[in-house]
Amino acid sequence: MTINPSELFSPFLGTTLNVPQNPELLNNFLNNQFSQYADLINQKKIGVYSPAQNFSGELWYYLTPQRIRNGYQVIVYIASLPNAGVSTLTLTSDPAFPITGIDPEFVVTQVYGSASKPCTATGAGDGDYFSFMSQGDARISFTMSDTTLTITTAVNLSAYSGFIVVNYLRAGT
């Protein structure tokens, strides 16, 4: 049994189980239960990152404790970071701005990135990897609005590929 990680899961797993007495039925029951636990825990709690909105398994309570807000995560993979200057991702660019349907309930909780320049086949030690927040690393920074992500580099990073990860909340129940 495989669970779709983009589906909401509330409750996480059923709280009441009827365990069969018959040994043959018990074996099948246990196999199904272990599969459900593995699917839910591995894919949702640990996380699935893709260019499409994924429910992260986080539930947030703030301001109004009776209102649950659901956590989501999405990535943008950039095959080649910009040469020194500015690059903009929009809803129609390639790669595209990763989130659609932003409404007043949308709240960003964390945005960060990483850049990688793998080592060459002949020279171990010539690779470079670094992480960055929206501001803070002199080599690269980015800003985000509800429809655009603007990446600014101070040096030529075209040999690097990178990820920008956005964690955010949407209205729940």
C-alpha atoms as a PDB file:
ATOM      1  CA  MET A   1       0.000   0.000   0.000  1.00  0.00           C
ATOM      2  CA  THR A   2       1.545   3.295  -1.059  1.00  0.00           C
ATOM      3  CA  ILE A   3       0.261   6.593   0.289  1.00  0.00           C
ATOM      4  CA  ASN A   4       0.261   9.751  -1.832  1.00  0.00           C
ATOM      5  CA  PRO A   5       2.504  12.184   0.112  1.00  0.00           C
ATOM      6  CA  SER A   6       0.664  15.261  -1.200  1.00  0.00           C
ATOM      7  CA  GLU A   7      -2.596  14.135   0.440  1.00  0.00           C
ATOM      8  CA  LEU A   8      -3.425  15.442   3.883  1.00  0.00           C
ATOM      9  CA  PHE A   9      -3.276  12.914   6.658  1.00  0.00           C
ATOM     10  CA  SER A  10      -5.353  13.827   9.621  1.00  0.00           C
ATOM     11  CA  PRO A  11      -5.483  11.729  11.692  1.00  0.00           C
ATOM     12  CA  PHE A  12      -1.962  10.414  11.088  1.00  0.00           C
ATOM     13  CA  LEU A  13      -3.075   6.789  11.537  1.00  0.00           C
ATOM     14  CA  GLY A  14      -6.196   5.246  12.945  1.00  0.00           C
ATOM     15  CA  THR A  15      -6.211   5.013  16.732  1.00  0.00           C
ATOM     16  CA  THR A  16      -8.372   1.899  17.084  1.00  0.00           C
ATOM     17  CA  LEU A  17      -7.397  -1.436  15.603  1.00  0.00           C
ATOM     18  CA  ASN A  18      -9.198  -4.773  15.681  1.00  0.00           C
ATOM     19  CA  VAL A  19      -6.490  -7.412  15.714  1.00  0.00           C
ATOM     20  CA  PRO A  20      -7.663 -10.737  14.247  1.00  0.00           C
ATOM     21  CA  GLN A  21      -7.169 -13.933  16.257  1.00  0.00           C
ATOM     22  CA  ASN A  22      -6.718 -16.230  13.264  1.00  0.00           C
ATOM     23  CA  PRO A  23      -2.926 -16.623  12.665  1.00  0.00           C
ATOM     24  CA  GLU A  24      -3.287 -16.356   8.882  1.00  0.00           C
ATOM     25  CA  LEU A  25      -5.395 -13.190   9.102  1.00  0.00           C
ATOM     26  CA  LEU A  26      -3.080 -11.827  11.797  1.00  0.00           C
ATOM     27  CA  ASN A  27      -0.050 -12.152   9.514  1.00  0.00           C
ATOM     28  CA  ASN A  28      -1.827 -10.240   6.712  1.00  0.00           C
ATOM     29  CA  PHE A  29      -3.070  -7.618   9.201  1.00  0.00           C
ATOM     30  CA  LEU A  30       0.437  -7.006  10.576  1.00  0.00           C
ATOM     31  CA  ASN A  31       1.934  -6.700   7.080  1.00  0.00           C
ATOM     32  CA  ASN A  32      -0.678  -4.084   6.150  1.00  0.00           C
ATOM     33  CA  GLN A  33      -0.149  -2.147   9.385  1.00  0.00           C
ATOM     34  CA  PHE A  34       3.653  -2.065   9.001  1.00  0.00           C
ATOM     35  CA  SER A  35       3.275  -0.914   5.377  1.00  0.00           C
ATOM     36  CA  GLN A  36       0.996   1.935   6.424  1.00  0.00           C
ATOM     37  CA  TYR A  37       3.397   3.041   9.162  1.00  0.00           C
ATOM     38  CA  ALA A  38       6.392   2.957   6.808  1.00  0.00           C
ATOM     39  CA  ASP A  39       4.568   4.843   4.035  1.00  0.00           C
ATOM     40  CA  LEU A  40       3.253   7.539   6.312  1.00  0.00           C
ATOM     41  CA  ILE A  41       6.392   8.050   8.371  1.00  0.00           C
ATOM     42  CA  ASN A  42       8.962   7.801   5.567  1.00  0.00           C
ATOM     43  CA  GLN A  43       7.164   9.839   2.946  1.00  0.00           C
ATOM     44  CA  LYS A  44       5.407  12.446   5.006  1.00  0.00           C
ATOM     45  CA  LYS A  45       7.136  13.046   8.292  1.00  0.00           C
ATOM     46  CA  ILE A  46      10.666  12.782   6.939  1.00  0.00           C
ATOM     47  CA  GLY A  47       9.593  14.701   3.856  1.00  0.00           C
ATOM     48  CA  VAL A  48       9.134  14.623   0.131  1.00  0.00           C
ATOM     49  CA  TYR A  49      10.634  17.524  -1.770  1.00  0.00           C
ATOM     50  CA  SER A  50       9.490  18.256  -5.307  1.00  0.00           C
ATOM     51  CA  PRO A  51       8.701  21.240  -7.527  1.00  0.00           C
ATOM     52  CA  ALA A  52       5.007  20.762  -6.633  1.00  0.00           C
ATOM     53  CA  GLN A  53       3.380  21.676  -3.342  1.00  0.00           C
ATOM     54  CA  ASN A  54       3.746  18.854  -0.804  1.00  0.00           C
ATOM     55  CA  PHE A  55       2.018  18.556   2.537  1.00  0.00           C
ATOM     56  CA  SER A  56       4.879  18.349   5.047  1.00  0.00           C
ATOM     57  CA  GLY A  57       3.026  16.775   7.943  1.00  0.00           C
ATOM     58  CA  GLU A  58       3.361  19.888  10.097  1.00  0.00           C
ATOM     59  CA  LEU A  59       0.316  21.269  11.884  1.00  0.00           C
ATOM     60  CA  TRP A  60       0.651  24.814  13.252  1.00  0.00           C
ATOM     61  CA  TYR A  61      -1.471  26.427  15.958  1.00  0.00           C
ATOM     62  CA  TYR A  62      -0.929  30.154  16.507  1.00  0.00           C
ATOM     63  CA  LEU A  63      -3.043  33.253  17.148  1.00  0.00           C
ATOM     64  CA  THR A  64      -6.255  31.200  17.294  1.00  0.00           C
ATOM     65  CA  PRO A  65      -5.483  27.809  18.858  1.00  0.00           C
ATOM     66  CA  GLN A  66      -8.728  26.336  17.508  1.00  0.00           C
ATOM     67  CA  ARG A  67      -7.528  26.842  13.935  1.00  0.00           C
ATOM     68  CA  ILE A  68      -5.057  24.353  12.462  1.00  0.00           C
ATOM     69  CA  ARG A  69      -2.742  25.514   9.703  1.00  0.00           C
ATOM     70  CA  ASN A  70      -1.119  22.930   7.458  1.00  0.00           C
ATOM     71  CA  GLY A  71       2.595  22.997   6.608  1.00  0.00           C
ATOM     72  CA  TYR A  72       3.808  22.553   3.032  1.00  0.00           C
ATOM     73  CA  GLN A  73       7.190  22.462   1.315  1.00  0.00           C
ATOM     74  CA  VAL A  74       8.350  22.987  -2.242  1.00  0.00           C
ATOM     75  CA  ILE A  75      11.713  23.248  -4.036  1.00  0.00           C
ATOM     76  CA  VAL A  76      13.048  25.097  -7.032  1.00  0.00           C
ATOM     77  CA  TYR A  77      15.985  23.384  -8.729  1.00  0.00           C
ATOM     78  CA  ILE A  78      18.172  25.730 -10.748  1.00  0.00           C
ATOM     79  CA  ALA A  79      20.447  23.824 -13.130  1.00  0.00           C
ATOM     80  CA  SER A  80      22.762  26.797 -13.588  1.00  0.00           C
ATOM     81  CA  LEU A  81      22.847  29.702 -11.154  1.00  0.00           C
ATOM     82  CA  PRO A  82      23.104  33.161 -12.690  1.00  0.00           C
ATOM     83  CA  ASN A  83      26.283  34.737 -13.951  1.00  0.00           C
ATOM     84  CA  ALA A  84      27.027  37.782 -11.762  1.00  0.00           C
ATOM     85  CA  GLY A  85      23.798  39.758 -11.796  1.00  0.00           C
ATOM     86  CA  VAL A  86      20.088  39.149 -11.364  1.00  0.00           C
ATOM     87  CA  SER A  87      17.821  36.288 -12.433  1.00  0.00           C
ATOM     88  CA  THR A  88      14.063  36.255 -11.897  1.00  0.00           C
ATOM     89  CA  LEU A  89      11.739  33.271 -11.618  1.00  0.00           C
ATOM     90  CA  THR A  90       8.101  33.985 -12.373  1.00  0.00           C
ATOM     91  CA  LEU A  91       4.975  31.874 -12.818  1.00  0.00           C
ATOM     92  CA  THR A  92       5.834  31.454 -16.533  1.00  0.00           C
ATOM     93  CA  SER A  93       9.646  31.213 -16.416  1.00  0.00           C
ATOM     94  CA  ASP A  94      11.679  28.005 -16.653  1.00  0.00           C
ATOM     95  CA  PRO A  95      12.213  27.001 -13.896  1.00  0.00           C
ATOM     96  CA  ALA A  96       8.945  28.509 -12.715  1.00  0.00           C
ATOM     97  CA  PHE A  97       8.053  30.136  -9.430  1.00  0.00           C
ATOM     98  CA  PRO A  98       6.990  27.009  -7.504  1.00  0.00           C
ATOM     99  CA  ILE A  99       3.830  28.110  -5.675  1.00  0.00           C
ATOM    100  CA  THR A 100       0.434  28.934  -7.134  1.00  0.00           C
ATOM    101  CA  GLY A 101      -2.759  30.010  -5.454  1.00  0.00           C
ATOM    102  CA  ILE A 102      -1.216  32.271  -2.840  1.00  0.00           C
ATOM    103  CA  ASP A 103      -4.004  33.778  -0.753  1.00  0.00           C
ATOM    104  CA  PRO A 104      -4.262  35.805   2.501  1.00  0.00           C
ATOM    105  CA  GLU A 105      -3.871  32.597   4.571  1.00  0.00           C
ATOM    106  CA  PHE A 106      -0.444  31.889   3.013  1.00  0.00           C
ATOM    107  CA  VAL A 107       2.484  32.416   5.441  1.00  0.00           C
ATOM    108  CA  VAL A 108       6.151  31.639   4.719  1.00  0.00           C
ATOM    109  CA  THR A 109       7.914  29.916   7.641  1.00  0.00           C
ATOM    110  CA  GLN A 110      11.385  29.343   6.186  1.00  0.00           C
ATOM    111  CA  VAL A 111      13.231  29.904   2.905  1.00  0.00           C
ATOM    112  CA  TYR A 112      16.795  28.784   2.284  1.00  0.00           C
ATOM    113  CA  GLY A 113      19.059  27.531  -0.454  1.00  0.00           C
ATOM    114  CA  SER A 114      22.139  25.602  -1.366  1.00  0.00           C
ATOM    115  CA  ALA A 115      24.632  25.734  -4.216  1.00  0.00           C
ATOM    116  CA  SER A 116      26.805  22.907  -5.482  1.00  0.00           C
ATOM    117  CA  LYS A 117      29.740  22.739  -7.825  1.00  0.00           C
ATOM    118  CA  PRO A 118      30.664  19.036  -7.878  1.00  0.00           C
ATOM    119  CA  CYS A 119      34.312  18.098  -8.170  1.00  0.00           C
ATOM    120  CA  THR A 120      35.584  17.245 -11.633  1.00  0.00           C
ATOM    121  CA  ALA A 121      36.374  13.672 -12.640  1.00  0.00           C
ATOM    122  CA  THR A 122      40.108  14.353 -12.488  1.00  0.00           C
ATOM    123  CA  GLY A 123      40.403  16.600  -9.457  1.00  0.00           C
ATOM    124  CA  ALA A 124      39.094  15.688  -6.068  1.00  0.00           C
ATOM    125  CA  GLY A 125      39.096  18.780  -3.892  1.00  0.00           C
ATOM    126  CA  ASP A 126      37.927  21.245  -6.552  1.00  0.00           C
ATOM    127  CA  GLY A 127      34.234  20.958  -5.614  1.00  0.00           C
ATOM    128  CA  ASP A 128      32.421  23.661  -3.685  1.00  0.00           C
ATOM    129  CA  TYR A 129      29.193  23.475  -1.722  1.00  0.00           C
ATOM    130  CA  PHE A 130      27.529  26.150   0.359  1.00  0.00           C
ATOM    131  CA  SER A 131      24.184  27.057   1.898  1.00  0.00           C
ATOM    132  CA  PHE A 132      22.575  30.446   2.007  1.00  0.00           C
ATOM    133  CA  MET A 133      19.551  32.148   3.455  1.00  0.00           C
ATOM    134  CA  SER A 134      17.685  34.852   1.578  1.00  0.00           C
ATOM    135  CA  GLN A 135      20.353  37.319   2.703  1.00  0.00           C
ATOM    136  CA  GLY A 136      23.713  36.692   4.317  1.00  0.00           C
ATOM    137  CA  ASP A 137      26.144  34.988   1.912  1.00  0.00           C
ATOM    138  CA  ALA A 138      28.068  37.519  -0.166  1.00  0.00           C
ATOM    139  CA  ARG A 139      28.049  35.207  -3.199  1.00  0.00           C
ATOM    140  CA  ILE A 140      24.274  34.905  -3.558  1.00  0.00           C
ATOM    141  CA  SER A 141      21.007  36.208  -2.149  1.00  0.00           C
ATOM    142  CA  PHE A 142      17.373  36.133  -3.134  1.00  0.00           C
ATOM    143  CA  THR A 143      14.102  37.857  -2.389  1.00  0.00           C
ATOM    144  CA  MET A 144      10.633  36.406  -2.756  1.00  0.00           C
ATOM    145  CA  SER A 145       7.218  37.928  -3.331  1.00  0.00           C
ATOM    146  CA  ASP A 146       3.895  36.215  -3.973  1.00  0.00           C
ATOM    147  CA  THR A 147       4.660  35.729  -7.697  1.00  0.00           C
ATOM    148  CA  THR A 148       8.423  36.119  -8.132  1.00  0.00           C
ATOM    149  CA  LEU A 149      11.732  34.899  -6.811  1.00  0.00           C
ATOM    150  CA  THR A 150      14.663  37.203  -7.624  1.00  0.00           C
ATOM    151  CA  ILE A 151      18.171  35.733  -7.339  1.00  0.00           C
ATOM    152  CA  THR A 152      21.159  38.092  -7.145  1.00  0.00           C
ATOM    153  CA  THR A 153      24.773  36.948  -7.400  1.00  0.00           C
ATOM    154  CA  ALA A 154      27.890  38.984  -6.773  1.00  0.00           C
ATOM    155  CA  VAL A 155      30.177  36.593  -8.679  1.00  0.00           C
ATOM    156  CA  ASN A 156      29.827  34.198 -11.602  1.00  0.00           C
ATOM    157  CA  LEU A 157      28.049  31.103 -10.260  1.00  0.00           C
ATOM    158  CA  SER A 158      27.080  29.642 -13.644  1.00  0.00           C
ATOM    159  CA  ALA A 159      29.101  26.466 -12.879  1.00  0.00           C
ATOM    160  CA  TYR A 160      26.893  25.876  -9.815  1.00  0.00           C
ATOM    161  CA  SER A 161      23.492  24.259  -9.576  1.00  0.00           C
ATOM    162  CA  GLY A 162      21.253  24.971  -6.650  1.00  0.00           C
ATOM    163  CA  PHE A 163      18.063  24.496  -4.699  1.00  0.00           C
ATOM    164  CA  ILE A 164      15.813  27.003  -3.039  1.00  0.00           C
ATOM    165  CA  VAL A 165      13.490  25.411  -0.480  1.00  0.00           C
ATOM    166  CA  VAL A 166      10.319  27.167   0.673  1.00  0.00           C
ATOM    167  CA  ASN A 167       8.417  25.991   3.758  1.00  0.00           C
ATOM    168  CA  TYR A 168       5.041  27.631   4.250  1.00  0.00           C
ATOM    169  CA  LEU A 169       1.590  27.391   5.798  1.00  0.00           C
ATOM    170  CA  ARG A 170      -1.876  27.400   4.340  1.00  0.00           C
ATOM    171  CA  ALA A 171      -5.245  27.467   6.062  1.00  0.00           C
ATOM    172  CA  GLY A 172      -6.348  24.224   7.605  1.00  0.00           C
ATOM    173  CA  THR A 173      -9.488  23.448   9.548  1.00  0.00           C
END
